[in-house]
PDB file of N, CA and C in Angstrom:
ATOM      1  N   MET A   1       4.181 103.685  54.789  1.00  0.00           N
ATOM      2  CA  MET A   1       5.432 103.239  54.231  1.00  0.00           C
ATOM      3  C   MET A   1       5.285 101.735  53.946  1.00  0.00           C
ATOM      4  N   SER A   2       5.655 101.214  52.830  1.00  0.00           N
ATOM      5  CA  SER A   2       5.559  99.645  52.690  1.00  0.00           C
ATOM      6  C   SER A   2       6.897  99.069  53.500  1.00  0.00           C
ATOM      7  N   VAL A   3       6.589  97.951  53.800  1.00  0.00           N
ATOM      8  CA  VAL A   3       7.783  97.164  54.440  1.00  0.00           C
ATOM      9  C   VAL A   3       9.004  96.991  53.602  1.00  0.00           C
ATOM     10  N   ILE A   4       8.680  97.101  52.205  1.00  0.00           N
ATOM     11  CA  ILE A   4       9.883  96.985  51.329  1.00  0.00           C
ATOM     12  C   ILE A   4      10.651  98.244  51.456  1.00  0.00           C
ATOM     13  N   ASN A   5       9.918  99.512  51.461  1.00  0.00           N
ATOM     14  CA  ASN A   5      10.738 100.582  51.421  1.00  0.00           C
ATOM     15  C   ASN A   5      11.383 100.812  52.895  1.00  0.00           C
ATOM     16  N   TYR A   6      10.826 100.340  53.915  1.00  0.00           N
ATOM     17  CA  TYR A   6      11.501 100.340  55.153  1.00  0.00           C
ATOM     18  C   TYR A   6      12.801  99.566  55.225  1.00  0.00           C
ATOM     19  N   SER A   7      12.745  98.405  54.495  1.00  0.00           N
ATOM     20  CA  SER A   7      13.845  97.605  54.422  1.00  0.00           C
ATOM     21  C   SER A   7      15.116  98.461  53.615  1.00  0.00           C
ATOM     22  N   GLU A   8      14.621  99.080  52.570  1.00  0.00           N
ATOM     23  CA  GLU A   8      15.632 100.052  51.961  1.00  0.00           C
ATOM     24  C   GLU A   8      16.222 101.109  52.877  1.00  0.00           C
ATOM     25  N   VAL A   9      15.370 101.796  53.588  1.00  0.00           N
ATOM     26  CA  VAL A   9      15.909 102.818  54.540  1.00  0.00           C
ATOM     27  C   VAL A   9      16.938 102.116  55.522  1.00  0.00           C
ATOM     28  N   VAL A  10      16.511 101.028  56.142  1.00  0.00           N
ATOM     29  CA  VAL A  10      17.372 100.203  57.047  1.00  0.00           C
ATOM     30  C   VAL A  10      18.828  99.927  56.388  1.00  0.00           C
ATOM     31  N   SER A  11      18.661  99.377  55.089  1.00  0.00           N
ATOM     32  CA  SER A  11      19.885  98.990  54.348  1.00  0.00           C
ATOM     33  C   SER A  11      20.785 100.224  54.045  1.00  0.00           C
ATOM     34  N   TYR A  12      20.213 101.461  53.810  1.00  0.00           N
ATOM     35  CA  TYR A  12      20.984 102.700  53.527  1.00  0.00           C
ATOM     36  C   TYR A  12      21.818 102.931  54.552  1.00  0.00           C
ATOM     37  N   PHE A  13      21.244 103.028  55.894  1.00  0.00           N
ATOM     38  CA  PHE A  13      21.927 103.274  57.077  1.00  0.00           C
ATOM     39  C   PHE A  13      22.957 102.307  57.419  1.00  0.00           C
ATOM     40  N   VAL A  14      22.678 101.108  57.466  1.00  0.00           N
ATOM     41  CA  VAL A  14      23.604  99.989  57.747  1.00  0.00           C
ATOM     42  C   VAL A  14      24.697  99.981  56.778  1.00  0.00           C
ATOM     43  N   HIS A  15      24.511 100.177  55.664  1.00  0.00           N
ATOM     44  CA  HIS A  15      25.471 100.391  54.488  1.00  0.00           C
ATOM     45  C   HIS A  15      26.491 101.478  54.850  1.00  0.00           C
ATOM     46  N   ALA A  16      25.841 102.591  55.349  1.00  0.00           N
ATOM     47  CA  ALA A  16      26.702 103.781  55.622  1.00  0.00           C
ATOM     48  C   ALA A  16      27.589 103.627  56.812  1.00  0.00           C
ATOM     49  N   GLY A  17      27.465 102.364  57.535  1.00  0.00           N
ATOM     50  CA  GLY A  17      28.276 102.321  58.672  1.00  0.00           C
ATOM     51  C   GLY A  17      27.446 102.463  59.951  1.00  0.00           C
ATOM     52  N   MET A  18      26.278 102.623  59.986  1.00  0.00           N
ATOM     53  CA  MET A  18      25.519 102.863  61.378  1.00  0.00           C
ATOM     54  C   MET A  18      25.291 101.594  61.963  1.00  0.00           C
ATOM     55  N   ASP A  19      25.308 101.495  63.203  1.00  0.00           N
ATOM     56  CA  ASP A  19      25.149 100.268  63.890  1.00  0.00           C
ATOM     57  C   ASP A  19      23.608  99.872  63.888  1.00  0.00           C
ATOM     58  N   ALA A  20      23.264  98.595  63.793  1.00  0.00           N
ATOM     59  CA  ALA A  20      21.851  98.158  63.617  1.00  0.00           C
ATOM     60  C   ALA A  20      21.120  98.677  64.805  1.00  0.00           C
ATOM     61  N   ARG A  21      21.685  98.622  66.106  1.00  0.00           N
ATOM     62  CA  ARG A  21      20.865  99.045  67.169  1.00  0.00           C
ATOM     63  C   ARG A  21      20.422 100.543  67.085  1.00  0.00           C
ATOM     64  N   ASP A  22      21.411 101.339  66.537  1.00  0.00           N
ATOM     65  CA  ASP A  22      21.341 102.886  66.337  1.00  0.00           C
ATOM     66  C   ASP A  22      20.257 103.006  65.205  1.00  0.00           C
ATOM     67  N   VAL A  23      20.129 102.127  64.302  1.00  0.00           N
ATOM     68  CA  VAL A  23      19.257 102.451  63.159  1.00  0.00           C
ATOM     69  C   VAL A  23      17.858 102.187  63.801  1.00  0.00           C
ATOM     70  N   ASP A  24      17.769 100.978  64.544  1.00  0.00           N
ATOM     71  CA  ASP A  24      16.464 100.649  65.251  1.00  0.00           C
ATOM     72  C   ASP A  24      15.915 101.840  66.123  1.00  0.00           C
ATOM     73  N   ALA A  25      16.946 102.414  66.989  1.00  0.00           N
ATOM     74  CA  ALA A  25      16.591 103.494  67.845  1.00  0.00           C
ATOM     75  C   ALA A  25      16.185 104.739  67.218  1.00  0.00           C
ATOM     76  N   MET A  26      16.728 104.984  66.004  1.00  0.00           N
ATOM     77  CA  MET A  26      16.256 106.082  65.217  1.00  0.00           C
ATOM     78  C   MET A  26      14.910 105.925  64.571  1.00  0.00           C
ATOM     79  N   LEU A  27      14.651 104.851  63.993  1.00  0.00           N
ATOM     80  CA  LEU A  27      13.540 104.625  63.235  1.00  0.00           C
ATOM     81  C   LEU A  27      12.289 104.026  63.895  1.00  0.00           C
ATOM     82  N   ASP A  28      12.427 103.338  65.105  1.00  0.00           N
ATOM     83  CA  ASP A  28      11.385 102.732  65.853  1.00  0.00           C
ATOM     84  C   ASP A  28      10.413 103.854  66.313  1.00  0.00           C
ATOM     85  N   PRO A  29      10.890 104.900  66.878  1.00  0.00           N
ATOM     86  CA  PRO A  29       9.878 105.844  67.365  1.00  0.00           C
ATOM     87  C   PRO A  29       9.158 106.643  66.398  1.00  0.00           C
ATOM     88  N   LEU A  30       9.498 106.569  65.215  1.00  0.00           N
ATOM     89  CA  LEU A  30       8.830 107.251  64.060  1.00  0.00           C
ATOM     90  C   LEU A  30       7.229 106.855  63.929  1.00  0.00           C
ATOM     91  N   PRO A  31       6.377 107.813  63.685  1.00  0.00           N
ATOM     92  CA  PRO A  31       5.004 107.524  63.663  1.00  0.00           C
ATOM     93  C   PRO A  31       4.636 107.014  62.139  1.00  0.00           C
ATOM     94  N   ILE A  32       4.975 105.881  61.757  1.00  0.00           N
ATOM     95  CA  ILE A  32       4.926 105.184  60.422  1.00  0.00           C
ATOM     96  C   ILE A  32       3.852 104.237  60.439  1.00  0.00           C
ATOM     97  N   ASN A  33       2.990 104.320  59.554  1.00  0.00           N
ATOM     98  CA  ASN A  33       1.861 103.421  59.149  1.00  0.00           C
ATOM     99  C   ASN A  33       2.356 102.344  58.188  1.00  0.00           C
ATOM    100  N   TRP A  34       2.757 101.160  58.852  1.00  0.00           N
ATOM    101  CA  TRP A  34       3.395 100.010  58.017  1.00  0.00           C
ATOM    102  C   TRP A  34       2.331  99.523  56.951  1.00  0.00           C
ATOM    103  N   ILE A  35       2.694  99.376  55.754  1.00  0.00           N
ATOM    104  CA  ILE A  35       1.818  98.707  54.835  1.00  0.00           C
ATOM    105  C   ILE A  35       2.508  97.301  54.402  1.00  0.00           C
ATOM    106  N   LEU A  36       1.742  96.347  54.613  1.00  0.00           N
ATOM    107  CA  LEU A  36       2.340  94.968  54.257  1.00  0.00           C
ATOM    108  C   LEU A  36       2.148  94.769  52.784  1.00  0.00           C
ATOM    109  N   VAL A  37       2.975  94.149  52.017  1.00  0.00           N
ATOM    110  CA  VAL A  37       2.889  93.866  50.671  1.00  0.00           C
ATOM    111  C   VAL A  37       2.026  92.673  50.368  1.00  0.00           C
ATOM    112  N   ASP A  38       1.148  92.855  49.494  1.00  0.00           N
ATOM    113  CA  ASP A  38       0.356  91.739  49.070  1.00  0.00           C
ATOM    114  C   ASP A  38       0.434  91.502  47.445  1.00  0.00           C
ATOM    115  N   LYS A  39      -0.219  90.439  46.944  1.00  0.00           N
ATOM    116  CA  LYS A  39      -0.152  90.228  45.506  1.00  0.00           C
ATOM    117  C   LYS A  39      -0.500  91.383  44.649  1.00  0.00           C
ATOM    118  N   GLN A  40      -1.688  91.994  45.032  1.00  0.00           N
ATOM    119  CA  GLN A  40      -1.999  93.203  44.191  1.00  0.00           C
ATOM    120  C   GLN A  40      -1.008  94.369  44.179  1.00  0.00           C
ATOM    121  N   LEU A  41      -0.383  94.665  45.330  1.00  0.00           N
ATOM    122  CA  LEU A  41       0.675  95.759  45.321  1.00  0.00           C
ATOM    123  C   LEU A  41       1.822  95.244  44.534  1.00  0.00           C
ATOM    124  N   ALA A  42       2.237  94.076  44.685  1.00  0.00           N
ATOM    125  CA  ALA A  42       3.397  93.607  44.087  1.00  0.00           C
ATOM    126  C   ALA A  42       3.176  93.486  42.482  1.00  0.00           C
ATOM    127  N   ASN A  43       1.980  93.143  42.102  1.00  0.00           N
ATOM    128  CA  ASN A  43       1.630  93.179  40.712  1.00  0.00           C
ATOM    129  C   ASN A  43       1.753  94.546  40.044  1.00  0.00           C
ATOM    130  N   LEU A  44       1.187  95.577  40.819  1.00  0.00           N
ATOM    131  CA  LEU A  44       1.226  96.989  40.373  1.00  0.00           C
ATOM    132  C   LEU A  44       2.662  97.431  40.302  1.00  0.00           C
ATOM    133  N   ALA A  45       3.411  97.128  41.144  1.00  0.00           N
ATOM    134  CA  ALA A  45       4.994  97.540  41.209  1.00  0.00           C
ATOM    135  C   ALA A  45       5.565  96.955  40.124  1.00  0.00           C
ATOM    136  N   GLY A  46       5.330  95.577  39.812  1.00  0.00           N
ATOM    137  CA  GLY A  46       5.987  94.950  38.735  1.00  0.00           C
ATOM    138  C   GLY A  46       5.668  95.517  37.323  1.00  0.00           C
ATOM    139  N   ARG A  47       4.338  96.014  37.278  1.00  0.00           N
ATOM    140  CA  ARG A  47       3.860  96.489  35.971  1.00  0.00           C
ATOM    141  C   ARG A  47       4.483  97.982  35.767  1.00  0.00           C
ATOM    142  N   LEU A  48       5.034  98.555  36.761  1.00  0.00           N
ATOM    143  CA  LEU A  48       5.668  99.849  36.498  1.00  0.00           C
ATOM    144  C   LEU A  48       7.081  99.833  35.908  1.00  0.00           C
ATOM    145  N   ARG A  49       7.697  98.662  35.805  1.00  0.00           N
ATOM    146  CA  ARG A  49       9.033  98.587  35.314  1.00  0.00           C
ATOM    147  C   ARG A  49       9.300  99.185  34.140  1.00  0.00           C
ATOM    148  N   LYS A  50       8.436  99.065  33.172  1.00  0.00           N
ATOM    149  CA  LYS A  50       8.671  99.586  31.742  1.00  0.00           C
ATOM    150  C   LYS A  50       8.515 101.104  31.792  1.00  0.00           C
ATOM    151  N   SER A  51       7.782 101.653  32.594  1.00  0.00           N
ATOM    152  CA  SER A  51       7.555 103.201  32.618  1.00  0.00           C
ATOM    153  C   SER A  51       8.587 103.845  33.570  1.00  0.00           C
ATOM    154  N   THR A  52       9.392 103.062  34.302  1.00  0.00           N
ATOM    155  CA  THR A  52      10.199 103.617  35.151  1.00  0.00           C
ATOM    156  C   THR A  52      11.672 103.271  34.889  1.00  0.00           C
ATOM    157  N   ALA A  53      12.022 102.435  34.018  1.00  0.00           N
ATOM    158  CA  ALA A  53      13.356 101.811  33.607  1.00  0.00           C
ATOM    159  C   ALA A  53      14.179 102.982  33.098  1.00  0.00           C
ATOM    160  N   SER A  54      13.591 104.037  32.285  1.00  0.00           N
ATOM    161  CA  SER A  54      14.535 105.151  31.852  1.00  0.00           C
ATOM    162  C   SER A  54      15.045 105.956  32.870  1.00  0.00           C
ATOM    163  N   ALA A  55      14.340 106.024  34.010  1.00  0.00           N
ATOM    164  CA  ALA A  55      14.785 106.747  35.176  1.00  0.00           C
ATOM    165  C   ALA A  55      15.660 105.970  36.191  1.00  0.00           C
ATOM    166  N   GLY A  56      15.986 104.827  35.838  1.00  0.00           N
ATOM    167  CA  GLY A  56      16.699 103.880  36.768  1.00  0.00           C
ATOM    168  C   GLY A  56      16.224 103.559  38.114  1.00  0.00           C
ATOM    169  N   LEU A  57      14.831 103.485  38.169  1.00  0.00           N
ATOM    170  CA  LEU A  57      14.155 103.278  39.552  1.00  0.00           C
ATOM    171  C   LEU A  57      14.362 101.907  39.829  1.00  0.00           C
ATOM    172  N   SER A  58      14.555 101.516  41.186  1.00  0.00           N
ATOM    173  CA  SER A  58      14.697 100.298  41.789  1.00  0.00           C
ATOM    174  C   SER A  58      13.336  99.582  41.827  1.00  0.00           C
ATOM    175  N   LEU A  59      13.282  98.307  42.403  1.00  0.00           N
ATOM    176  CA  LEU A  59      12.251  97.619  42.728  1.00  0.00           C
ATOM    177  C   LEU A  59      11.580  98.397  43.984  1.00  0.00           C
ATOM    178  N   GLY A  60      12.315  98.729  44.824  1.00  0.00           N
ATOM    179  CA  GLY A  60      11.738  99.460  46.058  1.00  0.00           C
ATOM    180  C   GLY A  60      11.130 100.885  45.594  1.00  0.00           C
ATOM    181  N   ASP A  61      11.767 101.538  44.719  1.00  0.00           N
ATOM    182  CA  ASP A  61      11.042 102.773  44.105  1.00  0.00           C
ATOM    183  C   ASP A  61       9.705 102.468  43.485  1.00  0.00           C
ATOM    184  N   ARG A  62       9.742 101.407  42.800  1.00  0.00           N
ATOM    185  CA  ARG A  62       8.484 100.980  42.153  1.00  0.00           C
ATOM    186  C   ARG A  62       7.373 100.819  43.206  1.00  0.00           C
ATOM    187  N   PHE A  63       7.806 100.020  44.316  1.00  0.00           N
ATOM    188  CA  PHE A  63       6.808  99.779  45.358  1.00  0.00           C
ATOM    189  C   PHE A  63       6.209 101.057  45.866  1.00  0.00           C
ATOM    190  N   CYS A  64       7.117 101.995  46.073  1.00  0.00           N
ATOM    191  CA  CYS A  64       6.731 103.336  46.709  1.00  0.00           C
ATOM    192  C   CYS A  64       5.695 103.927  45.691  1.00  0.00           C
ATOM    193  N   ILE A  65       5.976 103.949  44.456  1.00  0.00           N
ATOM    194  CA  ILE A  65       5.158 104.524  43.389  1.00  0.00           C
ATOM    195  C   ILE A  65       3.826 103.707  43.414  1.00  0.00           C
ATOM    196  N   ALA A  66       3.930 102.364  43.462  1.00  0.00           N
ATOM    197  CA  ALA A  66       2.696 101.499  43.382  1.00  0.00           C
ATOM    198  C   ALA A  66       1.766 101.764  44.538  1.00  0.00           C
ATOM    199  N   LEU A  67       2.228 102.039  45.686  1.00  0.00           N
ATOM    200  CA  LEU A  67       1.530 102.405  46.978  1.00  0.00           C
ATOM    201  C   LEU A  67       0.818 103.624  46.666  1.00  0.00           C
ATOM    202  N   ALA A  68       1.581 104.635  46.389  1.00  0.00           N
ATOM    203  CA  ALA A  68       0.992 106.033  46.044  1.00  0.00           C
ATOM    204  C   ALA A  68      -0.131 105.963  45.042  1.00  0.00           C
ATOM    205  N   LYS A  69       0.190 105.149  44.046  1.00  0.00           N
ATOM    206  CA  LYS A  69      -0.765 104.971  42.877  1.00  0.00           C
ATOM    207  C   LYS A  69      -2.122 104.285  43.392  1.00  0.00           C
ATOM    208  N   ARG A  70      -1.843 103.277  44.109  1.00  0.00           N
ATOM    209  CA  ARG A  70      -3.152 102.439  44.649  1.00  0.00           C
ATOM    210  C   ARG A  70      -3.811 103.268  45.638  1.00  0.00           C
ATOM    211  N   ASP A  71      -3.306 104.014  46.487  1.00  0.00           N
ATOM    212  CA  ASP A  71      -3.986 104.753  47.487  1.00  0.00           C
ATOM    213  C   ASP A  71      -4.216 106.274  47.282  1.00  0.00           C
ATOM    214  N   GLY A  72      -3.995 106.741  45.852  1.00  0.00           N
ATOM    215  CA  GLY A  72      -4.267 108.025  45.493  1.00  0.00           C
ATOM    216  C   GLY A  72      -3.477 109.054  46.106  1.00  0.00           C
ATOM    217  N   LEU A  73      -2.243 108.829  46.332  1.00  0.00           N
ATOM    218  CA  LEU A  73      -1.353 109.741  47.118  1.00  0.00           C
ATOM    219  C   LEU A  73      -0.192 110.228  46.271  1.00  0.00           C
ATOM    220  N   ALA A  74       0.475 111.208  46.685  1.00  0.00           N
ATOM    221  CA  ALA A  74       1.790 111.600  46.071  1.00  0.00           C
ATOM    222  C   ALA A  74       2.749 110.712  46.548  1.00  0.00           C
ATOM    223  N   ALA A  75       3.833 110.598  45.824  1.00  0.00           N
ATOM    224  CA  ALA A  75       5.119 109.776  46.078  1.00  0.00           C
ATOM    225  C   ALA A  75       6.137 110.711  46.598  1.00  0.00           C
ATOM    226  N   TRP A  76       6.625 110.596  47.743  1.00  0.00           N
ATOM    227  CA  TRP A  76       7.755 111.652  48.233  1.00  0.00           C
ATOM    228  C   TRP A  76       9.111 110.882  48.076  1.00  0.00           C
ATOM    229  N   THR A  77      10.041 111.729  47.482  1.00  0.00           N
ATOM    230  CA  THR A  77      11.395 111.107  47.227  1.00  0.00           C
ATOM    231  C   THR A  77      12.437 112.278  47.383  1.00  0.00           C
ATOM    232  N   ALA A  78      13.693 111.850  47.582  1.00  0.00           N
ATOM    233  CA  ALA A  78      14.716 112.883  47.292  1.00  0.00           C
ATOM    234  C   ALA A  78      15.446 112.826  46.013  1.00  0.00           C
ATOM    235  N   ASP A  79      14.905 111.708  45.376  1.00  0.00           N
ATOM    236  CA  ASP A  79      15.473 111.469  43.860  1.00  0.00           C
ATOM    237  C   ASP A  79      14.856 112.294  42.765  1.00  0.00           C
ATOM    238  N   LYS A  80      15.525 113.260  42.274  1.00  0.00           N
ATOM    239  CA  LYS A  80      14.982 114.218  41.436  1.00  0.00           C
ATOM    240  C   LYS A  80      14.614 113.508  39.999  1.00  0.00           C
ATOM    241  N   GLY A  81      15.213 112.345  39.843  1.00  0.00           N
ATOM    242  CA  GLY A  81      15.021 111.492  38.544  1.00  0.00           C
ATOM    243  C   GLY A  81      13.560 111.215  38.435  1.00  0.00           C
ATOM    244  N   TRP A  82      12.849 111.080  39.598  1.00  0.00           N
ATOM    245  CA  TRP A  82      11.540 110.668  39.539  1.00  0.00           C
ATOM    246  C   TRP A  82      10.607 111.507  38.745  1.00  0.00           C
ATOM    247  N   LYS A  83      10.900 112.812  38.723  1.00  0.00           N
ATOM    248  CA  LYS A  83      10.065 113.728  37.995  1.00  0.00           C
ATOM    249  C   LYS A  83       9.967 113.374  36.548  1.00  0.00           C
ATOM    250  N   LYS A  84      10.929 112.733  36.014  1.00  0.00           N
ATOM    251  CA  LYS A  84      10.965 112.481  34.624  1.00  0.00           C
ATOM    252  C   LYS A  84       9.948 111.481  34.173  1.00  0.00           C
ATOM    253  N   ILE A  85       9.369 110.676  35.156  1.00  0.00           N
ATOM    254  CA  ILE A  85       8.376 109.712  34.927  1.00  0.00           C
ATOM    255  C   ILE A  85       7.069 109.883  35.540  1.00  0.00           C
ATOM    256  N   GLU A  86       6.929 111.047  36.072  1.00  0.00           N
ATOM    257  CA  GLU A  86       5.679 111.366  36.772  1.00  0.00           C
ATOM    258  C   GLU A  86       4.459 111.238  35.956  1.00  0.00           C
ATOM    259  N   SER A  87       4.436 111.775  34.889  1.00  0.00           N
ATOM    260  CA  SER A  87       3.298 111.622  33.944  1.00  0.00           C
ATOM    261  C   SER A  87       3.084 110.155  33.406  1.00  0.00           C
ATOM    262  N   ASP A  88       4.161 109.521  33.178  1.00  0.00           N
ATOM    263  CA  ASP A  88       4.193 108.099  32.787  1.00  0.00           C
ATOM    264  C   ASP A  88       3.509 107.134  33.730  1.00  0.00           C
ATOM    265  N   VAL A  89       3.663 107.363  34.958  1.00  0.00           N
ATOM    266  CA  VAL A  89       3.108 106.580  36.004  1.00  0.00           C
ATOM    267  C   VAL A  89       1.807 106.990  36.704  1.00  0.00           C
ATOM    268  N   GLY A  90       1.584 108.197  36.281  1.00  0.00           N
ATOM    269  CA  GLY A  90       0.201 108.765  36.802  1.00  0.00           C
ATOM    270  C   GLY A  90       0.130 108.939  38.276  1.00  0.00           C
ATOM    271  N   VAL A  91       1.418 109.422  38.907  1.00  0.00           N
ATOM    272  CA  VAL A  91       1.343 109.684  40.234  1.00  0.00           C
ATOM    273  C   VAL A  91       2.204 111.009  40.464  1.00  0.00           C
ATOM    274  N   GLU A  92       1.605 111.983  41.315  1.00  0.00           N
ATOM    275  CA  GLU A  92       2.374 113.180  41.710  1.00  0.00           C
ATOM    276  C   GLU A  92       3.648 112.801  42.453  1.00  0.00           C
ATOM    277  N   VAL A  93       4.832 113.401  41.934  1.00  0.00           N
ATOM    278  CA  VAL A  93       6.012 113.165  42.667  1.00  0.00           C
ATOM    279  C   VAL A  93       6.452 114.429  43.419  1.00  0.00           C
ATOM    280  N   VAL A  94       6.665 114.419  44.632  1.00  0.00           N
ATOM    281  CA  VAL A  94       7.038 115.436  45.501  1.00  0.00           C
ATOM    282  C   VAL A  94       8.567 115.125  45.919  1.00  0.00           C
ATOM    283  N   ILE A  95       9.450 116.088  45.495  1.00  0.00           N
ATOM    284  CA  ILE A  95      10.824 116.060  45.752  1.00  0.00           C
ATOM    285  C   ILE A  95      11.110 116.920  47.068  1.00  0.00           C
ATOM    286  N   ILE A  96      11.723 116.094  48.037  1.00  0.00           N
ATOM    287  CA  ILE A  96      11.676 116.559  49.462  1.00  0.00           C
ATOM    288  C   ILE A  96      12.993 117.328  49.741  1.00  0.00           C
ATOM    289  N   ARG A  97      13.851 117.448  48.908  1.00  0.00           N
ATOM    290  CA  ARG A  97      15.184 118.207  49.040  1.00  0.00           C
ATOM    291  C   ARG A  97      15.872 118.716  47.774  1.00  0.00           C
TER     292      ARG A  97
END
């Protein structure tokens, strides 16, 4: 998981009213491989804007897709709208719920 996407997860729970300490207690034990963002990944995410704009994807969403594309992995999301741009971005999209 990129650190950009981790920030989105944290902000989601804090915005929903969860105490910051509780967010940390919930997320810290998870076995997540942290991916730092570099210029190459940022460039790839930026170039995805045109092909993802119609589905309303955020910058964080584009980082998730860029990481999947770079590493040859599927992008996992709960956002069913990502399926609309799956072929445009060249990444398999797995809907988790």
